[in-house]
């Protein structure tokens, strides 16, 4: 037993050292943040730890629906920010969202995804016109979206594909979008509660100001990323 403990201690020390060496290779930006901005470095990180892979949700989760507003000009910025309507999450978060979808389907519901991984440069662009950390992430700290561990979602009917009534539309910067806002119809409160309850059951946590936004647990261990969607072609991980 003692030998096993020694072996595990050595293994842990080696993994910490390797992580530190890798971290030193990640460039530091003007805010002192380490941001992975090289496809080669991203692929190296994934090869060392497959959980760092950013997974294409459309191919990974059966029946998932996408409505990627930032791939159009129908968003709060009024312009296209993404080159394609794609949504990615880190592998553990993608697996958890897949479990959310399965549970919702048993209730006659499904997910619609508005956003997942967001390149850091887009966070910078979003911050400039608003600079309100309740609704847009400050580039000085980065976003959970930049780490591939945040997802913006709503509920739709499995039968009709129609969105269920929610407190507001997507990216509504008002108090009505907050989770503690209760001056709403009973049906809307119920729908928000269902989404929150099922997401939390599978490891996602809401933020107070946006009913649609959920962070996956353990997001802190993932690096900020500034890799374009077109450069995320790493061999697909185990489903």
C-alpha atoms as a PDB file:
ATOM      1  CA  UNK A   1       0.000   0.000   0.000  1.00  0.00           C
ATOM      2  CA  UNK A   2       2.862   2.357   0.855  1.00  0.00           C
ATOM      3  CA  UNK A   3       4.472   1.676  -2.538  1.00  0.00           C
ATOM      4  CA  UNK A   4       1.205   2.490  -4.274  1.00  0.00           C
ATOM      5  CA  UNK A   5       0.939   5.811  -2.416  1.00  0.00           C
ATOM      6  CA  UNK A   6       4.489   6.724  -3.406  1.00  0.00           C
ATOM      7  CA  UNK A   7       3.751   5.862  -7.044  1.00  0.00           C
ATOM      8  CA  UNK A   8       0.591   7.994  -7.052  1.00  0.00           C
ATOM      9  CA  UNK A   9       2.472  10.916  -5.470  1.00  0.00           C
ATOM     10  CA  UNK A  10       5.157  10.714  -8.154  1.00  0.00           C
ATOM     11  CA  UNK A  11       2.517  10.489 -10.890  1.00  0.00           C
ATOM     12  CA  UNK A  12       0.731  13.565  -9.514  1.00  0.00           C
ATOM     13  CA  UNK A  13       3.973  15.529  -9.297  1.00  0.00           C
ATOM     14  CA  UNK A  14       4.877  14.645 -12.894  1.00  0.00           C
ATOM     15  CA  UNK A  15       1.427  15.701 -14.142  1.00  0.00           C
ATOM     16  CA  UNK A  16       1.646  19.032 -12.275  1.00  0.00           C
ATOM     17  CA  UNK A  17       5.125  19.638 -13.674  1.00  0.00           C
ATOM     18  CA  UNK A  18       3.985  18.826 -17.218  1.00  0.00           C
ATOM     19  CA  UNK A  19       1.027  21.163 -16.797  1.00  0.00           C
ATOM     20  CA  UNK A  20       3.303  23.943 -15.612  1.00  0.00           C
ATOM     21  CA  UNK A  21       5.675  23.504 -18.550  1.00  0.00           C
ATOM     22  CA  UNK A  22       2.766  23.567 -20.974  1.00  0.00           C
ATOM     23  CA  UNK A  23       1.362  26.651 -19.279  1.00  0.00           C
ATOM     24  CA  UNK A  24       4.653  28.458 -19.788  1.00  0.00           C
ATOM     25  CA  UNK A  25       4.313  27.904 -23.544  1.00  0.00           C
ATOM     26  CA  UNK A  26       0.994  29.738 -23.678  1.00  0.00           C
ATOM     27  CA  UNK A  27       1.420  33.404 -24.630  1.00  0.00           C
ATOM     28  CA  UNK A  28       0.381  36.131 -22.189  1.00  0.00           C
ATOM     29  CA  UNK A  29      -1.828  38.932 -23.501  1.00  0.00           C
ATOM     30  CA  UNK A  30      -2.038  42.599 -22.525  1.00  0.00           C
ATOM     31  CA  UNK A  31      -4.142  41.748 -19.461  1.00  0.00           C
ATOM     32  CA  UNK A  32      -1.667  39.173 -18.200  1.00  0.00           C
ATOM     33  CA  UNK A  33      -3.914  36.278 -19.229  1.00  0.00           C
ATOM     34  CA  UNK A  34      -2.636  33.124 -20.892  1.00  0.00           C
ATOM     35  CA  UNK A  35      -4.656  32.613 -24.078  1.00  0.00           C
ATOM     36  CA  UNK A  36      -4.196  29.652 -26.424  1.00  0.00           C
ATOM     37  CA  UNK A  37      -4.133  31.298 -29.854  1.00  0.00           C
ATOM     38  CA  UNK A  38      -2.238  28.701 -31.875  1.00  0.00           C
ATOM     39  CA  UNK A  39      -3.961  25.652 -33.467  1.00  0.00           C
ATOM     40  CA  UNK A  40      -0.731  23.718 -32.989  1.00  0.00           C
ATOM     41  CA  UNK A  41      -0.657  24.441 -29.241  1.00  0.00           C
ATOM     42  CA  UNK A  42      -4.349  23.573 -28.955  1.00  0.00           C
ATOM     43  CA  UNK A  43      -3.730  20.218 -30.644  1.00  0.00           C
ATOM     44  CA  UNK A  44      -0.747  19.585 -28.362  1.00  0.00           C
ATOM     45  CA  UNK A  45      -2.911  20.236 -25.295  1.00  0.00           C
ATOM     46  CA  UNK A  46      -5.613  17.877 -26.604  1.00  0.00           C
ATOM     47  CA  UNK A  47      -3.086  15.141 -27.321  1.00  0.00           C
ATOM     48  CA  UNK A  48      -1.912  15.343 -23.702  1.00  0.00           C
ATOM     49  CA  UNK A  49      -5.459  15.486 -22.299  1.00  0.00           C
ATOM     50  CA  UNK A  50      -8.414  14.486 -24.503  1.00  0.00           C
ATOM     51  CA  UNK A  51     -10.887  16.258 -22.198  1.00  0.00           C
ATOM     52  CA  UNK A  52      -9.559  19.541 -23.609  1.00  0.00           C
ATOM     53  CA  UNK A  53     -10.996  18.760 -27.027  1.00  0.00           C
ATOM     54  CA  UNK A  54     -13.660  21.153 -28.298  1.00  0.00           C
ATOM     55  CA  UNK A  55     -16.491  18.990 -29.629  1.00  0.00           C
ATOM     56  CA  UNK A  56     -18.897  19.973 -32.413  1.00  0.00           C
ATOM     57  CA  UNK A  57     -22.278  19.667 -30.667  1.00  0.00           C
ATOM     58  CA  UNK A  58     -24.264  19.190 -33.864  1.00  0.00           C
ATOM     59  CA  UNK A  59     -22.548  15.897 -34.623  1.00  0.00           C
ATOM     60  CA  UNK A  60     -22.243  14.821 -30.987  1.00  0.00           C
ATOM     61  CA  UNK A  61     -25.741  15.232 -29.539  1.00  0.00           C
ATOM     62  CA  UNK A  62     -28.659  13.528 -31.314  1.00  0.00           C
ATOM     63  CA  UNK A  63     -31.473  15.930 -32.138  1.00  0.00           C
ATOM     64  CA  UNK A  64     -29.656  19.059 -30.973  1.00  0.00           C
ATOM     65  CA  UNK A  65     -30.938  22.266 -32.532  1.00  0.00           C
ATOM     66  CA  UNK A  66     -28.707  25.261 -33.225  1.00  0.00           C
ATOM     67  CA  UNK A  67     -29.681  28.907 -33.562  1.00  0.00           C
ATOM     68  CA  UNK A  68     -26.292  30.599 -33.578  1.00  0.00           C
ATOM     69  CA  UNK A  69     -27.171  34.271 -33.492  1.00  0.00           C
ATOM     70  CA  UNK A  70     -23.555  35.408 -33.758  1.00  0.00           C
ATOM     71  CA  UNK A  71     -23.265  33.731 -37.159  1.00  0.00           C
ATOM     72  CA  UNK A  72     -25.842  36.280 -38.371  1.00  0.00           C
ATOM     73  CA  UNK A  73     -26.463  39.975 -37.830  1.00  0.00           C
ATOM     74  CA  UNK A  74     -29.510  39.143 -35.667  1.00  0.00           C
ATOM     75  CA  UNK A  75     -27.738  39.772 -32.348  1.00  0.00           C
ATOM     76  CA  UNK A  76     -27.105  42.573 -29.870  1.00  0.00           C
ATOM     77  CA  UNK A  77     -24.025  43.690 -31.830  1.00  0.00           C
ATOM     78  CA  UNK A  78     -26.015  43.974 -35.059  1.00  0.00           C
ATOM     79  CA  UNK A  79     -23.309  42.255 -37.118  1.00  0.00           C
ATOM     80  CA  UNK A  80     -21.969  38.788 -37.906  1.00  0.00           C
ATOM     81  CA  UNK A  81     -19.271  37.714 -35.451  1.00  0.00           C
ATOM     82  CA  UNK A  82     -18.841  34.015 -36.359  1.00  0.00           C
ATOM     83  CA  UNK A  83     -18.013  32.733 -39.857  1.00  0.00           C
ATOM     84  CA  UNK A  84     -20.268  29.676 -39.452  1.00  0.00           C
ATOM     85  CA  UNK A  85     -23.246  28.525 -37.396  1.00  0.00           C
ATOM     86  CA  UNK A  86     -21.328  26.126 -35.147  1.00  0.00           C
ATOM     87  CA  UNK A  87     -21.360  25.337 -31.423  1.00  0.00           C
ATOM     88  CA  UNK A  88     -18.494  23.653 -29.567  1.00  0.00           C
ATOM     89  CA  UNK A  89     -17.900  22.611 -25.953  1.00  0.00           C
ATOM     90  CA  UNK A  90     -15.084  20.815 -24.152  1.00  0.00           C
ATOM     91  CA  UNK A  91     -15.597  17.060 -24.206  1.00  0.00           C
ATOM     92  CA  UNK A  92     -16.816  16.648 -20.568  1.00  0.00           C
ATOM     93  CA  UNK A  93     -19.251  19.558 -20.972  1.00  0.00           C
ATOM     94  CA  UNK A  94     -20.481  18.132 -24.286  1.00  0.00           C
ATOM     95  CA  UNK A  95     -21.098  14.758 -22.645  1.00  0.00           C
ATOM     96  CA  UNK A  96     -23.027  16.443 -19.829  1.00  0.00           C
ATOM     97  CA  UNK A  97     -25.138  18.419 -22.308  1.00  0.00           C
ATOM     98  CA  UNK A  98     -25.842  15.184 -24.157  1.00  0.00           C
ATOM     99  CA  UNK A  99     -27.233  13.787 -20.893  1.00  0.00           C
ATOM    100  CA  UNK A 100     -29.342  16.934 -20.465  1.00  0.00           C
ATOM    101  CA  UNK A 101     -30.778  16.416 -23.944  1.00  0.00           C
ATOM    102  CA  UNK A 102     -31.630  12.784 -23.190  1.00  0.00           C
ATOM    103  CA  UNK A 103     -33.463  13.716 -19.990  1.00  0.00           C
ATOM    104  CA  UNK A 104     -35.369  16.511 -21.697  1.00  0.00           C
ATOM    105  CA  UNK A 105     -36.428  14.208 -24.522  1.00  0.00           C
ATOM    106  CA  UNK A 106     -38.039  11.940 -21.916  1.00  0.00           C
ATOM    107  CA  UNK A 107     -40.137  15.000 -20.972  1.00  0.00           C
ATOM    108  CA  UNK A 108     -41.112  15.766 -24.559  1.00  0.00           C
ATOM    109  CA  UNK A 109     -38.575  18.584 -24.832  1.00  0.00           C
ATOM    110  CA  UNK A 110     -35.216  19.294 -26.464  1.00  0.00           C
ATOM    111  CA  UNK A 111     -32.466  21.871 -26.319  1.00  0.00           C
ATOM    112  CA  UNK A 112     -31.821  24.723 -28.687  1.00  0.00           C
ATOM    113  CA  UNK A 113     -28.287  26.125 -28.483  1.00  0.00           C
ATOM    114  CA  UNK A 114     -27.577  29.793 -29.084  1.00  0.00           C
ATOM    115  CA  UNK A 115     -23.844  29.720 -28.333  1.00  0.00           C
ATOM    116  CA  UNK A 116     -21.010  27.595 -26.981  1.00  0.00           C
ATOM    117  CA  UNK A 117     -17.266  28.142 -27.333  1.00  0.00           C
ATOM    118  CA  UNK A 118     -16.481  31.734 -28.256  1.00  0.00           C
ATOM    119  CA  UNK A 119     -13.032  32.826 -29.491  1.00  0.00           C
ATOM    120  CA  UNK A 120     -11.455  35.392 -27.143  1.00  0.00           C
ATOM    121  CA  UNK A 121     -11.247  38.016 -29.898  1.00  0.00           C
ATOM    122  CA  UNK A 122     -15.057  38.018 -30.091  1.00  0.00           C
ATOM    123  CA  UNK A 123     -15.258  38.698 -26.347  1.00  0.00           C
ATOM    124  CA  UNK A 124     -12.988  41.710 -26.883  1.00  0.00           C
ATOM    125  CA  UNK A 125     -15.269  42.995 -29.657  1.00  0.00           C
ATOM    126  CA  UNK A 126     -18.408  42.519 -27.524  1.00  0.00           C
ATOM    127  CA  UNK A 127     -16.957  44.359 -24.528  1.00  0.00           C
ATOM    128  CA  UNK A 128     -16.144  47.627 -26.268  1.00  0.00           C
ATOM    129  CA  UNK A 129     -19.675  48.982 -26.930  1.00  0.00           C
ATOM    130  CA  UNK A 130     -21.184  47.978 -23.543  1.00  0.00           C
ATOM    131  CA  UNK A 131     -18.571  47.384 -20.826  1.00  0.00           C
ATOM    132  CA  UNK A 132     -21.223  46.009 -18.473  1.00  0.00           C
ATOM    133  CA  UNK A 133     -19.963  42.806 -16.784  1.00  0.00           C
ATOM    134  CA  UNK A 134     -23.511  41.710 -15.929  1.00  0.00           C
ATOM    135  CA  UNK A 135     -24.121  40.954 -19.595  1.00  0.00           C
ATOM    136  CA  UNK A 136     -20.786  40.895 -21.452  1.00  0.00           C
ATOM    137  CA  UNK A 137     -17.503  39.418 -20.232  1.00  0.00           C
ATOM    138  CA  UNK A 138     -14.598  41.728 -19.455  1.00  0.00           C
ATOM    139  CA  UNK A 139     -11.558  40.749 -21.573  1.00  0.00           C
ATOM    140  CA  UNK A 140      -9.422  41.449 -18.494  1.00  0.00           C
ATOM    141  CA  UNK A 141     -10.755  38.206 -17.014  1.00  0.00           C
ATOM    142  CA  UNK A 142     -12.092  36.407 -20.092  1.00  0.00           C
ATOM    143  CA  UNK A 143     -15.314  34.463 -20.487  1.00  0.00           C
ATOM    144  CA  UNK A 144     -16.322  30.903 -19.632  1.00  0.00           C
ATOM    145  CA  UNK A 145     -17.338  30.804 -23.289  1.00  0.00           C
ATOM    146  CA  UNK A 146     -13.672  31.389 -24.191  1.00  0.00           C
ATOM    147  CA  UNK A 147     -12.821  28.263 -22.175  1.00  0.00           C
ATOM    148  CA  UNK A 148     -15.365  26.121 -24.019  1.00  0.00           C
ATOM    149  CA  UNK A 149     -17.275  25.568 -20.784  1.00  0.00           C
ATOM    150  CA  UNK A 150     -20.303  27.844 -21.175  1.00  0.00           C
ATOM    151  CA  UNK A 151     -23.404  27.280 -23.231  1.00  0.00           C
ATOM    152  CA  UNK A 152     -26.431  29.456 -24.001  1.00  0.00           C
ATOM    153  CA  UNK A 153     -29.605  27.404 -24.377  1.00  0.00           C
ATOM    154  CA  UNK A 154     -33.373  27.359 -24.345  1.00  0.00           C
ATOM    155  CA  UNK A 155     -36.104  24.717 -24.528  1.00  0.00           C
ATOM    156  CA  UNK A 156     -38.134  23.622 -27.519  1.00  0.00           C
ATOM    157  CA  UNK A 157     -41.020  21.208 -27.938  1.00  0.00           C
ATOM    158  CA  UNK A 158     -39.899  17.786 -29.173  1.00  0.00           C
ATOM    159  CA  UNK A 159     -43.141  17.470 -31.125  1.00  0.00           C
ATOM    160  CA  UNK A 160     -43.333  20.865 -32.842  1.00  0.00           C
ATOM    161  CA  UNK A 161     -39.780  22.241 -32.645  1.00  0.00           C
ATOM    162  CA  UNK A 162     -41.198  25.519 -31.322  1.00  0.00           C
ATOM    163  CA  UNK A 163     -39.421  27.423 -28.560  1.00  0.00           C
ATOM    164  CA  UNK A 164     -41.122  27.386 -25.173  1.00  0.00           C
ATOM    165  CA  UNK A 165     -42.022  30.791 -23.697  1.00  0.00           C
ATOM    166  CA  UNK A 166     -39.159  32.181 -21.610  1.00  0.00           C
ATOM    167  CA  UNK A 167     -38.762  35.424 -19.632  1.00  0.00           C
ATOM    168  CA  UNK A 168     -37.151  37.312 -22.535  1.00  0.00           C
ATOM    169  CA  UNK A 169     -35.543  36.763 -25.882  1.00  0.00           C
ATOM    170  CA  UNK A 170     -31.860  35.849 -26.126  1.00  0.00           C
ATOM    171  CA  UNK A 171     -29.291  38.463 -25.035  1.00  0.00           C
ATOM    172  CA  UNK A 172     -31.882  40.688 -23.415  1.00  0.00           C
ATOM    173  CA  UNK A 173     -29.967  43.064 -21.151  1.00  0.00           C
ATOM    174  CA  UNK A 174     -32.743  43.757 -18.671  1.00  0.00           C
ATOM    175  CA  UNK A 175     -33.758  42.734 -15.159  1.00  0.00           C
ATOM    176  CA  UNK A 176     -36.474  40.558 -16.645  1.00  0.00           C
ATOM    177  CA  UNK A 177     -33.751  38.173 -17.872  1.00  0.00           C
ATOM    178  CA  UNK A 178     -32.478  37.652 -14.304  1.00  0.00           C
ATOM    179  CA  UNK A 179     -33.212  34.379 -12.539  1.00  0.00           C
ATOM    180  CA  UNK A 180     -34.721  36.144  -9.528  1.00  0.00           C
ATOM    181  CA  UNK A 181     -37.244  38.067 -11.631  1.00  0.00           C
ATOM    182  CA  UNK A 182     -40.649  36.579 -10.858  1.00  0.00           C
ATOM    183  CA  UNK A 183     -43.236  38.954 -12.300  1.00  0.00           C
ATOM    184  CA  UNK A 184     -43.867  36.512 -15.129  1.00  0.00           C
ATOM    185  CA  UNK A 185     -46.639  34.162 -16.302  1.00  0.00           C
ATOM    186  CA  UNK A 186     -46.766  30.798 -14.519  1.00  0.00           C
ATOM    187  CA  UNK A 187     -45.886  28.946 -17.738  1.00  0.00           C
ATOM    188  CA  UNK A 188     -42.738  31.008 -18.213  1.00  0.00           C
ATOM    189  CA  UNK A 189     -41.629  30.459 -14.612  1.00  0.00           C
ATOM    190  CA  UNK A 190     -42.211  26.719 -15.057  1.00  0.00           C
ATOM    191  CA  UNK A 191     -40.167  26.568 -18.277  1.00  0.00           C
ATOM    192  CA  UNK A 192     -37.261  28.490 -16.746  1.00  0.00           C
ATOM    193  CA  UNK A 193     -37.380  26.179 -13.714  1.00  0.00           C
ATOM    194  CA  UNK A 194     -37.323  23.014 -15.846  1.00  0.00           C
ATOM    195  CA  UNK A 195     -34.323  24.222 -17.818  1.00  0.00           C
ATOM    196  CA  UNK A 196     -32.447  25.282 -14.677  1.00  0.00           C
ATOM    197  CA  UNK A 197     -33.226  22.094 -12.765  1.00  0.00           C
ATOM    198  CA  UNK A 198     -32.166  19.715 -15.521  1.00  0.00           C
ATOM    199  CA  UNK A 199     -29.016  21.700 -16.365  1.00  0.00           C
ATOM    200  CA  UNK A 200     -27.956  21.798 -12.708  1.00  0.00           C
ATOM    201  CA  UNK A 201     -28.584  18.066 -12.333  1.00  0.00           C
ATOM    202  CA  UNK A 202     -25.916  17.449 -14.977  1.00  0.00           C
ATOM    203  CA  UNK A 203     -23.232  19.793 -13.676  1.00  0.00           C
ATOM    204  CA  UNK A 204     -24.148  23.152 -15.169  1.00  0.00           C
ATOM    205  CA  UNK A 205     -24.575  26.301 -13.069  1.00  0.00           C
ATOM    206  CA  UNK A 206     -26.615  29.368 -14.058  1.00  0.00           C
ATOM    207  CA  UNK A 207     -25.504  32.970 -13.753  1.00  0.00           C
ATOM    208  CA  UNK A 208     -27.878  35.382 -12.049  1.00  0.00           C
ATOM    209  CA  UNK A 209     -28.384  37.876 -14.892  1.00  0.00           C
ATOM    210  CA  UNK A 210     -29.080  35.564 -17.867  1.00  0.00           C
ATOM    211  CA  UNK A 211     -31.658  32.767 -17.815  1.00  0.00           C
ATOM    212  CA  UNK A 212     -30.070  31.165 -20.927  1.00  0.00           C
ATOM    213  CA  UNK A 213     -26.421  31.026 -19.779  1.00  0.00           C
ATOM    214  CA  UNK A 214     -24.907  27.983 -17.992  1.00  0.00           C
ATOM    215  CA  UNK A 215     -21.310  27.272 -16.926  1.00  0.00           C
ATOM    216  CA  UNK A 216     -20.005  23.725 -16.684  1.00  0.00           C
ATOM    217  CA  UNK A 217     -18.391  22.713 -13.390  1.00  0.00           C
ATOM    218  CA  UNK A 218     -14.602  22.655 -13.449  1.00  0.00           C
ATOM    219  CA  UNK A 219     -14.335  25.412 -16.069  1.00  0.00           C
ATOM    220  CA  UNK A 220     -11.388  26.889 -14.164  1.00  0.00           C
ATOM    221  CA  UNK A 221      -8.989  24.172 -15.325  1.00  0.00           C
ATOM    222  CA  UNK A 222      -9.423  24.984 -19.013  1.00  0.00           C
ATOM    223  CA  UNK A 223      -7.416  27.650 -20.797  1.00  0.00           C
ATOM    224  CA  UNK A 224      -8.860  30.697 -22.483  1.00  0.00           C
ATOM    225  CA  UNK A 225      -8.898  30.077 -26.227  1.00  0.00           C
ATOM    226  CA  UNK A 226      -8.711  32.255 -29.313  1.00  0.00           C
ATOM    227  CA  UNK A 227      -8.833  29.573 -31.991  1.00  0.00           C
ATOM    228  CA  UNK A 228     -11.154  30.111 -34.996  1.00  0.00           C
ATOM    229  CA  UNK A 229     -13.805  27.455 -35.629  1.00  0.00           C
ATOM    230  CA  UNK A 230     -12.010  26.423 -38.817  1.00  0.00           C
ATOM    231  CA  UNK A 231      -8.941  25.380 -36.807  1.00  0.00           C
ATOM    232  CA  UNK A 232     -10.668  23.004 -34.385  1.00  0.00           C
ATOM    233  CA  UNK A 233     -10.129  19.879 -36.487  1.00  0.00           C
ATOM    234  CA  UNK A 234      -8.628  17.564 -33.877  1.00  0.00           C
ATOM    235  CA  UNK A 235      -9.383  13.837 -34.048  1.00  0.00           C
ATOM    236  CA  UNK A 236     -12.785  13.296 -32.443  1.00  0.00           C
ATOM    237  CA  UNK A 237     -12.765  12.018 -28.889  1.00  0.00           C
ATOM    238  CA  UNK A 238     -14.637   9.090 -27.387  1.00  0.00           C
ATOM    239  CA  UNK A 239     -18.363   9.620 -27.093  1.00  0.00           C
END
